C-alpha cells in the first residue's frame, strides 16, 4: 500500500466519529419512546389531525371535588396521616340530598359502632366494645377534613372505610355534623330501609372503579359485514348466484 493510500485511510478513519457522532445507534435503552398527556397516540403523521389527544391517566387529576387526587395523600394508618387531612376543605354543601346520602352510608357503615344518633350506643357495645361518641366535646372540635380522613384511612379502633367513595364521604361528614347539632336543623336517624331492601337503600354503582369509562374512552367500531359466501362449485360462480344453474342452492 502506497504512502498516499495509507494517509487517505487514516484520514477516513478519523472522520468516522465526526460523521456518525450524532447517530444514536449505540444505546443503553434509557431513552424510550413515550406518549405524553395531551399528545396524539400515533406515530403516523397522516392520522394526527383526525385522532383525539391522549388524556391524563384515569384518577391522576381530581374530577369530583376540590380535594387533591388520591395519590397525594397516603393510605397508611399512621397518626400524622389523618392529621395531614385536617385542613382539607369540605367541597359539599349540607343540602337535603347530601344529608340523605350521608344518612344512608352512615346507617350502613357507622351506626353499628357509633349508634343511630351518634351517641356511641351502637350494637357492638353489647359485646364489650367501647362507646365512641361522635357528639363528645373532642368530636365536636374536629374539622371536616379530620373526620373525612378518619373515614378514609381509619386509626386505632376505627377501621378504614375507604369503600365509601370520595364524594360520599363528604356527605357522611355533613350528616355527622347534623347529628352533632351543628347544622341548625334536625336530621333523620335510624335505618334507611328494611332488611333485604335494595334500590336506593344501598350504595349505587361505583364512580371511580373500572365500571366508570375513562374520560377519553372511545368505543370500538362496528364490526365489518361478513364476506360473501365462497363458491366451491366447479363452475366458478359465486354464492350470490344462488338459484341459477351451477350456483349454490
C-alpha atoms as a PDB file:
ATOM      1  CA  UNK A   1       0.000   0.000   0.000  1.00  0.00           C
ATOM      2  CA  UNK A   2       1.420   3.359  -1.013  1.00  0.00           C
ATOM      3  CA  UNK A   3       2.052   6.182   1.433  1.00  0.00           C
ATOM      4  CA  UNK A   4      -0.782   8.249  -0.065  1.00  0.00           C
ATOM      5  CA  UNK A   5      -3.223   5.350   0.324  1.00  0.00           C
ATOM      6  CA  UNK A   6      -2.237   4.887   3.952  1.00  0.00           C
ATOM      7  CA  UNK A   7      -2.728   8.615   4.633  1.00  0.00           C
ATOM      8  CA  UNK A   8      -6.162   8.544   2.970  1.00  0.00           C
ATOM      9  CA  UNK A   9      -7.139   5.536   5.057  1.00  0.00           C
ATOM     10  CA  UNK A  10      -6.070   7.235   8.298  1.00  0.00           C
ATOM     11  CA  UNK A  11      -7.999  10.395   7.407  1.00  0.00           C
ATOM     12  CA  UNK A  12     -11.109   8.339   6.640  1.00  0.00           C
ATOM     13  CA  UNK A  13     -10.888   6.562   9.995  1.00  0.00           C
ATOM     14  CA  UNK A  14     -10.534   9.906  11.801  1.00  0.00           C
ATOM     15  CA  UNK A  15     -13.640  11.263  10.083  1.00  0.00           C
ATOM     16  CA  UNK A  16     -15.851   8.318  11.137  1.00  0.00           C
ATOM     17  CA  UNK A  17     -16.550   9.633  14.695  1.00  0.00           C
ATOM     18  CA  UNK A  18     -17.291  13.081  13.279  1.00  0.00           C
ATOM     19  CA  UNK A  19     -19.660  11.770  10.629  1.00  0.00           C
ATOM     20  CA  UNK A  20     -21.570   9.406  12.906  1.00  0.00           C
ATOM     21  CA  UNK A  21     -21.201  11.126  16.278  1.00  0.00           C
ATOM     22  CA  UNK A  22     -24.825  12.335  16.184  1.00  0.00           C
ATOM     23  CA  UNK A  23     -26.224   8.873  15.498  1.00  0.00           C
ATOM     24  CA  UNK A  24     -27.905   7.087  18.396  1.00  0.00           C
ATOM     25  CA  UNK A  25     -27.043   3.594  17.234  1.00  0.00           C
ATOM     26  CA  UNK A  26     -25.393   2.540  20.480  1.00  0.00           C
ATOM     27  CA  UNK A  27     -27.861   2.979  23.326  1.00  0.00           C
ATOM     28  CA  UNK A  28     -28.342   1.749  26.869  1.00  0.00           C
ATOM     29  CA  UNK A  29     -32.126   1.842  26.329  1.00  0.00           C
ATOM     30  CA  UNK A  30     -32.692   4.568  28.931  1.00  0.00           C
ATOM     31  CA  UNK A  31     -34.373   6.701  26.273  1.00  0.00           C
ATOM     32  CA  UNK A  32     -37.601   5.051  25.249  1.00  0.00           C
ATOM     33  CA  UNK A  33     -40.478   6.183  23.017  1.00  0.00           C
ATOM     34  CA  UNK A  34     -43.299   7.617  25.123  1.00  0.00           C
ATOM     35  CA  UNK A  35     -46.577   9.455  24.701  1.00  0.00           C
ATOM     36  CA  UNK A  36     -47.098  12.471  26.935  1.00  0.00           C
ATOM     37  CA  UNK A  37     -50.510  13.648  28.184  1.00  0.00           C
ATOM     38  CA  UNK A  38     -52.445  15.528  25.517  1.00  0.00           C
ATOM     39  CA  UNK A  39     -50.247  14.059  22.782  1.00  0.00           C
ATOM     40  CA  UNK A  40     -51.889  12.130  19.954  1.00  0.00           C
ATOM     41  CA  UNK A  41     -51.246   8.416  20.397  1.00  0.00           C
ATOM     42  CA  UNK A  42     -49.932   7.610  16.946  1.00  0.00           C
ATOM     43  CA  UNK A  43     -46.655   7.636  15.046  1.00  0.00           C
ATOM     44  CA  UNK A  44     -48.488   8.061  11.743  1.00  0.00           C
ATOM     45  CA  UNK A  45     -48.290  11.749  10.823  1.00  0.00           C
ATOM     46  CA  UNK A  46     -51.227  11.392   8.437  1.00  0.00           C
ATOM     47  CA  UNK A  47     -53.582  10.488  11.334  1.00  0.00           C
ATOM     48  CA  UNK A  48     -52.550  13.068  13.920  1.00  0.00           C
ATOM     49  CA  UNK A  49     -55.158  15.599  12.867  1.00  0.00           C
ATOM     50  CA  UNK A  50     -58.010  13.082  12.967  1.00  0.00           C
ATOM     51  CA  UNK A  51     -57.320  11.372  16.332  1.00  0.00           C
ATOM     52  CA  UNK A  52     -58.159  12.909  19.731  1.00  0.00           C
ATOM     53  CA  UNK A  53     -55.252  13.568  22.109  1.00  0.00           C
ATOM     54  CA  UNK A  54     -54.421  11.216  24.940  1.00  0.00           C
ATOM     55  CA  UNK A  55     -55.900  12.497  28.206  1.00  0.00           C
ATOM     56  CA  UNK A  56     -54.346  12.315  31.650  1.00  0.00           C
ATOM     57  CA  UNK A  57     -54.343   8.828  33.197  1.00  0.00           C
ATOM     58  CA  UNK A  58     -57.564   7.931  34.989  1.00  0.00           C
ATOM     59  CA  UNK A  59     -57.540   9.071  38.604  1.00  0.00           C
ATOM     60  CA  UNK A  60     -54.464  11.326  38.266  1.00  0.00           C
ATOM     61  CA  UNK A  61     -56.454  14.579  38.286  1.00  0.00           C
ATOM     62  CA  UNK A  62     -59.230  15.389  40.797  1.00  0.00           C
ATOM     63  CA  UNK A  63     -62.520  15.492  38.902  1.00  0.00           C
ATOM     64  CA  UNK A  64     -65.222  15.020  41.524  1.00  0.00           C
ATOM     65  CA  UNK A  65     -64.493  17.735  44.090  1.00  0.00           C
ATOM     66  CA  UNK A  66     -61.995  20.180  45.485  1.00  0.00           C
ATOM     67  CA  UNK A  67     -59.677  17.767  47.278  1.00  0.00           C
ATOM     68  CA  UNK A  68     -56.328  16.527  45.914  1.00  0.00           C
ATOM     69  CA  UNK A  69     -56.018  13.322  43.898  1.00  0.00           C
ATOM     70  CA  UNK A  70     -55.716  10.106  45.871  1.00  0.00           C
ATOM     71  CA  UNK A  71     -52.002   9.606  45.267  1.00  0.00           C
ATOM     72  CA  UNK A  72     -51.163  12.868  47.083  1.00  0.00           C
ATOM     73  CA  UNK A  73     -52.390  11.587  50.460  1.00  0.00           C
ATOM     74  CA  UNK A  74     -51.089   8.353  51.914  1.00  0.00           C
ATOM     75  CA  UNK A  75     -53.339   5.447  52.782  1.00  0.00           C
ATOM     76  CA  UNK A  76     -51.007   4.401  55.597  1.00  0.00           C
ATOM     77  CA  UNK A  77     -52.575   4.123  59.051  1.00  0.00           C
ATOM     78  CA  UNK A  78     -50.121   6.462  60.757  1.00  0.00           C
ATOM     79  CA  UNK A  79     -51.056   9.159  63.276  1.00  0.00           C
ATOM     80  CA  UNK A  80     -49.861  12.081  61.177  1.00  0.00           C
ATOM     81  CA  UNK A  81     -51.564  10.833  58.010  1.00  0.00           C
ATOM     82  CA  UNK A  82     -55.085  11.589  59.208  1.00  0.00           C
ATOM     83  CA  UNK A  83     -53.919  14.815  60.823  1.00  0.00           C
ATOM     84  CA  UNK A  84     -52.495  15.917  57.479  1.00  0.00           C
ATOM     85  CA  UNK A  85     -56.030  15.825  56.042  1.00  0.00           C
ATOM     86  CA  UNK A  86     -57.472  18.040  58.785  1.00  0.00           C
ATOM     87  CA  UNK A  87     -57.125  21.166  56.673  1.00  0.00           C
ATOM     88  CA  UNK A  88     -58.937  19.726  53.646  1.00  0.00           C
ATOM     89  CA  UNK A  89     -61.942  21.846  52.696  1.00  0.00           C
ATOM     90  CA  UNK A  90     -65.347  20.215  52.512  1.00  0.00           C
ATOM     91  CA  UNK A  91     -66.477  20.810  48.905  1.00  0.00           C
ATOM     92  CA  UNK A  92     -70.075  19.647  49.511  1.00  0.00           C
ATOM     93  CA  UNK A  93     -72.769  21.873  50.972  1.00  0.00           C
ATOM     94  CA  UNK A  94     -75.096  20.207  53.540  1.00  0.00           C
ATOM     95  CA  UNK A  95     -78.064  20.095  51.181  1.00  0.00           C
ATOM     96  CA  UNK A  96     -81.056  17.795  51.627  1.00  0.00           C
ATOM     97  CA  UNK A  97     -79.646  15.376  49.036  1.00  0.00           C
ATOM     98  CA  UNK A  98     -76.245  15.345  50.744  1.00  0.00           C
ATOM     99  CA  UNK A  99     -77.820  14.666  54.150  1.00  0.00           C
ATOM    100  CA  UNK A 100     -79.980  11.883  52.706  1.00  0.00           C
ATOM    101  CA  UNK A 101     -76.977  10.220  51.044  1.00  0.00           C
ATOM    102  CA  UNK A 102     -74.843  10.656  54.158  1.00  0.00           C
ATOM    103  CA  UNK A 103     -77.614   9.150  56.291  1.00  0.00           C
ATOM    104  CA  UNK A 104     -77.691   6.060  54.052  1.00  0.00           C
ATOM    105  CA  UNK A 105     -73.947   5.458  54.248  1.00  0.00           C
ATOM    106  CA  UNK A 106     -73.887   6.209  57.975  1.00  0.00           C
ATOM    107  CA  UNK A 107     -76.686   3.708  58.657  1.00  0.00           C
ATOM    108  CA  UNK A 108     -74.915   1.030  56.616  1.00  0.00           C
ATOM    109  CA  UNK A 109     -71.356   1.527  57.884  1.00  0.00           C
ATOM    110  CA  UNK A 110     -71.201   3.675  61.024  1.00  0.00           C
ATOM    111  CA  UNK A 111     -74.288   3.172  63.190  1.00  0.00           C
ATOM    112  CA  UNK A 112     -73.199  -0.313  64.293  1.00  0.00           C
ATOM    113  CA  UNK A 113     -70.453   1.313  66.394  1.00  0.00           C
ATOM    114  CA  UNK A 114     -71.418   4.969  66.848  1.00  0.00           C
ATOM    115  CA  UNK A 115     -75.172   4.420  67.251  1.00  0.00           C
ATOM    116  CA  UNK A 116     -78.086   5.725  65.248  1.00  0.00           C
ATOM    117  CA  UNK A 117     -77.804   9.171  66.816  1.00  0.00           C
ATOM    118  CA  UNK A 118     -74.009   9.290  67.102  1.00  0.00           C
ATOM    119  CA  UNK A 119     -74.010   8.859  70.886  1.00  0.00           C
ATOM    120  CA  UNK A 120     -71.784   5.752  70.774  1.00  0.00           C
ATOM    121  CA  UNK A 121     -74.510   3.255  71.737  1.00  0.00           C
ATOM    122  CA  UNK A 122     -74.054   1.027  68.714  1.00  0.00           C
ATOM    123  CA  UNK A 123     -74.864  -2.666  68.546  1.00  0.00           C
ATOM    124  CA  UNK A 124     -71.245  -3.714  69.113  1.00  0.00           C
ATOM    125  CA  UNK A 125     -71.241  -2.183  72.600  1.00  0.00           C
ATOM    126  CA  UNK A 126     -73.237  -5.258  73.694  1.00  0.00           C
ATOM    127  CA  UNK A 127     -70.031  -7.231  73.154  1.00  0.00           C
ATOM    128  CA  UNK A 128     -67.818  -5.065  75.396  1.00  0.00           C
ATOM    129  CA  UNK A 129     -66.755  -2.744  72.577  1.00  0.00           C
ATOM    130  CA  UNK A 130     -66.076   0.757  73.974  1.00  0.00           C
ATOM    131  CA  UNK A 131     -68.609   3.502  73.340  1.00  0.00           C
ATOM    132  CA  UNK A 132     -67.215   6.037  70.869  1.00  0.00           C
ATOM    133  CA  UNK A 133     -69.482   9.054  70.701  1.00  0.00           C
ATOM    134  CA  UNK A 134     -69.482  11.483  67.802  1.00  0.00           C
ATOM    135  CA  UNK A 135     -71.153  14.075  69.987  1.00  0.00           C
ATOM    136  CA  UNK A 136     -68.399  14.362  72.588  1.00  0.00           C
ATOM    137  CA  UNK A 137     -66.508  17.593  73.127  1.00  0.00           C
ATOM    138  CA  UNK A 138     -63.450  16.145  71.357  1.00  0.00           C
ATOM    139  CA  UNK A 139     -65.504  15.083  68.319  1.00  0.00           C
ATOM    140  CA  UNK A 140     -67.201  18.469  68.144  1.00  0.00           C
ATOM    141  CA  UNK A 141     -63.777  20.088  67.874  1.00  0.00           C
ATOM    142  CA  UNK A 142     -62.658  18.014  64.900  1.00  0.00           C
ATOM    143  CA  UNK A 143     -62.565  19.597  61.445  1.00  0.00           C
ATOM    144  CA  UNK A 144     -64.447  18.257  58.439  1.00  0.00           C
ATOM    145  CA  UNK A 145     -61.144  17.174  56.890  1.00  0.00           C
ATOM    146  CA  UNK A 146     -60.183  15.223  60.002  1.00  0.00           C
ATOM    147  CA  UNK A 147     -63.476  13.283  60.008  1.00  0.00           C
ATOM    148  CA  UNK A 148     -63.053  12.666  56.279  1.00  0.00           C
ATOM    149  CA  UNK A 149     -59.535  11.338  56.911  1.00  0.00           C
ATOM    150  CA  UNK A 150     -60.731   9.001  59.669  1.00  0.00           C
ATOM    151  CA  UNK A 151     -63.342   7.554  57.317  1.00  0.00           C
ATOM    152  CA  UNK A 152     -60.790   7.209  54.534  1.00  0.00           C
ATOM    153  CA  UNK A 153     -57.833   5.752  56.459  1.00  0.00           C
ATOM    154  CA  UNK A 154     -59.038   4.725  59.904  1.00  0.00           C
ATOM    155  CA  UNK A 155     -56.869   4.788  63.005  1.00  0.00           C
ATOM    156  CA  UNK A 156     -56.752   2.932  66.290  1.00  0.00           C
ATOM    157  CA  UNK A 157     -60.082   1.142  66.820  1.00  0.00           C
ATOM    158  CA  UNK A 158     -61.516   2.830  63.730  1.00  0.00           C
ATOM    159  CA  UNK A 159     -61.058   0.623  60.632  1.00  0.00           C
ATOM    160  CA  UNK A 160     -60.715   2.120  57.185  1.00  0.00           C
ATOM    161  CA  UNK A 161     -63.997   2.721  55.403  1.00  0.00           C
ATOM    162  CA  UNK A 162     -62.380   3.571  52.091  1.00  0.00           C
ATOM    163  CA  UNK A 163     -65.129   1.518  50.448  1.00  0.00           C
ATOM    164  CA  UNK A 164     -67.225   4.677  50.912  1.00  0.00           C
ATOM    165  CA  UNK A 165     -66.217   6.626  47.846  1.00  0.00           C
ATOM    166  CA  UNK A 166     -64.717  10.084  47.763  1.00  0.00           C
ATOM    167  CA  UNK A 167     -67.732  12.372  47.460  1.00  0.00           C
ATOM    168  CA  UNK A 168     -69.953  10.076  49.555  1.00  0.00           C
ATOM    169  CA  UNK A 169     -67.527  10.514  52.464  1.00  0.00           C
ATOM    170  CA  UNK A 170     -68.186  14.239  52.458  1.00  0.00           C
ATOM    171  CA  UNK A 171     -71.925  13.500  52.626  1.00  0.00           C
ATOM    172  CA  UNK A 172     -71.269  11.351  55.700  1.00  0.00           C
ATOM    173  CA  UNK A 173     -69.316  14.246  57.228  1.00  0.00           C
ATOM    174  CA  UNK A 174     -72.280  16.547  56.625  1.00  0.00           C
ATOM    175  CA  UNK A 175     -74.636  14.023  58.197  1.00  0.00           C
ATOM    176  CA  UNK A 176     -72.413  13.706  61.275  1.00  0.00           C
ATOM    177  CA  UNK A 177     -72.480  17.491  61.603  1.00  0.00           C
ATOM    178  CA  UNK A 178     -76.263  17.197  61.613  1.00  0.00           C
ATOM    179  CA  UNK A 179     -76.133  14.597  64.410  1.00  0.00           C
ATOM    180  CA  UNK A 180     -73.892  16.977  66.344  1.00  0.00           C
ATOM    181  CA  UNK A 181     -76.481  19.734  66.011  1.00  0.00           C
ATOM    182  CA  UNK A 182     -74.173  21.990  64.026  1.00  0.00           C
ATOM    183  CA  UNK A 183     -76.449  22.464  61.009  1.00  0.00           C
ATOM    184  CA  UNK A 184     -79.210  24.353  62.791  1.00  0.00           C
ATOM    185  CA  UNK A 185     -81.781  21.668  61.959  1.00  0.00           C
ATOM    186  CA  UNK A 186     -82.509  18.094  62.864  1.00  0.00           C
ATOM    187  CA  UNK A 187     -81.592  15.202  60.595  1.00  0.00           C
ATOM    188  CA  UNK A 188     -83.332  11.810  60.238  1.00  0.00           C
ATOM    189  CA  UNK A 189     -81.904   8.922  62.235  1.00  0.00           C
ATOM    190  CA  UNK A 190     -82.212   5.156  62.257  1.00  0.00           C
ATOM    191  CA  UNK A 191     -82.176   2.611  59.420  1.00  0.00           C
ATOM    192  CA  UNK A 192     -82.987   3.833  55.928  1.00  0.00           C
ATOM    193  CA  UNK A 193     -84.624   0.588  54.799  1.00  0.00           C
ATOM    194  CA  UNK A 194     -85.745  -2.840  55.859  1.00  0.00           C
ATOM    195  CA  UNK A 195     -83.526  -5.946  55.813  1.00  0.00           C
ATOM    196  CA  UNK A 196     -83.079  -7.151  52.241  1.00  0.00           C
ATOM    197  CA  UNK A 197     -84.384  -3.941  50.684  1.00  0.00           C
ATOM    198  CA  UNK A 198     -82.343  -2.722  47.741  1.00  0.00           C
ATOM    199  CA  UNK A 199     -82.816   0.091  45.216  1.00  0.00           C
ATOM    200  CA  UNK A 200     -81.901   3.491  46.629  1.00  0.00           C
ATOM    201  CA  UNK A 201     -81.337   1.961  50.094  1.00  0.00           C
ATOM    202  CA  UNK A 202     -77.959   0.510  49.118  1.00  0.00           C
ATOM    203  CA  UNK A 203     -74.830   2.069  47.567  1.00  0.00           C
ATOM    204  CA  UNK A 204     -75.101   2.677  43.842  1.00  0.00           C
ATOM    205  CA  UNK A 205     -72.584   1.964  41.055  1.00  0.00           C
ATOM    206  CA  UNK A 206     -69.003   2.966  41.730  1.00  0.00           C
ATOM    207  CA  UNK A 207     -67.802   6.280  40.334  1.00  0.00           C
ATOM    208  CA  UNK A 208     -64.087   5.510  40.438  1.00  0.00           C
ATOM    209  CA  UNK A 209     -63.595   1.820  39.663  1.00  0.00           C
ATOM    210  CA  UNK A 210     -63.231   0.437  36.109  1.00  0.00           C
ATOM    211  CA  UNK A 211     -67.014   0.409  35.649  1.00  0.00           C
ATOM    212  CA  UNK A 212     -66.699   4.143  35.003  1.00  0.00           C
ATOM    213  CA  UNK A 213     -65.293   4.791  31.491  1.00  0.00           C
ATOM    214  CA  UNK A 214     -62.157   6.889  31.317  1.00  0.00           C
ATOM    215  CA  UNK A 215     -62.767  10.449  30.041  1.00  0.00           C
ATOM    216  CA  UNK A 216     -61.219   9.766  26.649  1.00  0.00           C
ATOM    217  CA  UNK A 217     -62.731   6.328  26.114  1.00  0.00           C
ATOM    218  CA  UNK A 218     -63.566   5.553  22.511  1.00  0.00           C
ATOM    219  CA  UNK A 219     -65.891   2.660  21.762  1.00  0.00           C
ATOM    220  CA  UNK A 220     -64.889   0.001  19.289  1.00  0.00           C
ATOM    221  CA  UNK A 221     -66.027   0.419  15.708  1.00  0.00           C
ATOM    222  CA  UNK A 222     -68.963  -1.569  14.421  1.00  0.00           C
ATOM    223  CA  UNK A 223     -67.875  -4.991  13.122  1.00  0.00           C
ATOM    224  CA  UNK A 224     -67.367  -5.237   9.395  1.00  0.00           C
ATOM    225  CA  UNK A 225     -70.017  -7.178   7.466  1.00  0.00           C
ATOM    226  CA  UNK A 226     -69.109 -10.800   6.726  1.00  0.00           C
ATOM    227  CA  UNK A 227     -67.611 -11.522   3.293  1.00  0.00           C
ATOM    228  CA  UNK A 228     -69.825 -13.164   0.672  1.00  0.00           C
ATOM    229  CA  UNK A 229     -70.019 -16.927   0.743  1.00  0.00           C
ATOM    230  CA  UNK A 230     -67.223 -18.674  -1.122  1.00  0.00           C
ATOM    231  CA  UNK A 231     -68.286 -20.747  -4.116  1.00  0.00           C
ATOM    232  CA  UNK A 232     -66.993 -24.280  -4.011  1.00  0.00           C
ATOM    233  CA  UNK A 233     -68.548 -25.489  -7.247  1.00  0.00           C
ATOM    234  CA  UNK A 234     -66.556 -26.272 -10.344  1.00  0.00           C
ATOM    235  CA  UNK A 235     -68.375 -23.614 -12.371  1.00  0.00           C
ATOM    236  CA  UNK A 236     -66.711 -20.716 -10.575  1.00  0.00           C
ATOM    237  CA  UNK A 237     -69.974 -18.860  -9.856  1.00  0.00           C
ATOM    238  CA  UNK A 238     -70.346 -17.065  -6.506  1.00  0.00           C
ATOM    239  CA  UNK A 239     -72.797 -17.640  -3.748  1.00  0.00           C
ATOM    240  CA  UNK A 240     -74.732 -14.570  -4.935  1.00  0.00           C
ATOM    241  CA  UNK A 241     -75.790 -16.646  -7.943  1.00  0.00           C
ATOM    242  CA  UNK A 242     -77.946 -18.876  -5.812  1.00  0.00           C
ATOM    243  CA  UNK A 243     -80.922 -20.205  -7.705  1.00  0.00           C
ATOM    244  CA  UNK A 244     -79.150 -20.098 -11.049  1.00  0.00           C
ATOM    245  CA  UNK A 245     -77.706 -23.143 -12.753  1.00  0.00           C
ATOM    246  CA  UNK A 246     -74.325 -24.010 -11.266  1.00  0.00           C
ATOM    247  CA  UNK A 247     -74.843 -21.716  -8.289  1.00  0.00           C
ATOM    248  CA  UNK A 248     -75.220 -22.622  -4.623  1.00  0.00           C
ATOM    249  CA  UNK A 249     -78.762 -23.847  -3.938  1.00  0.00           C
END
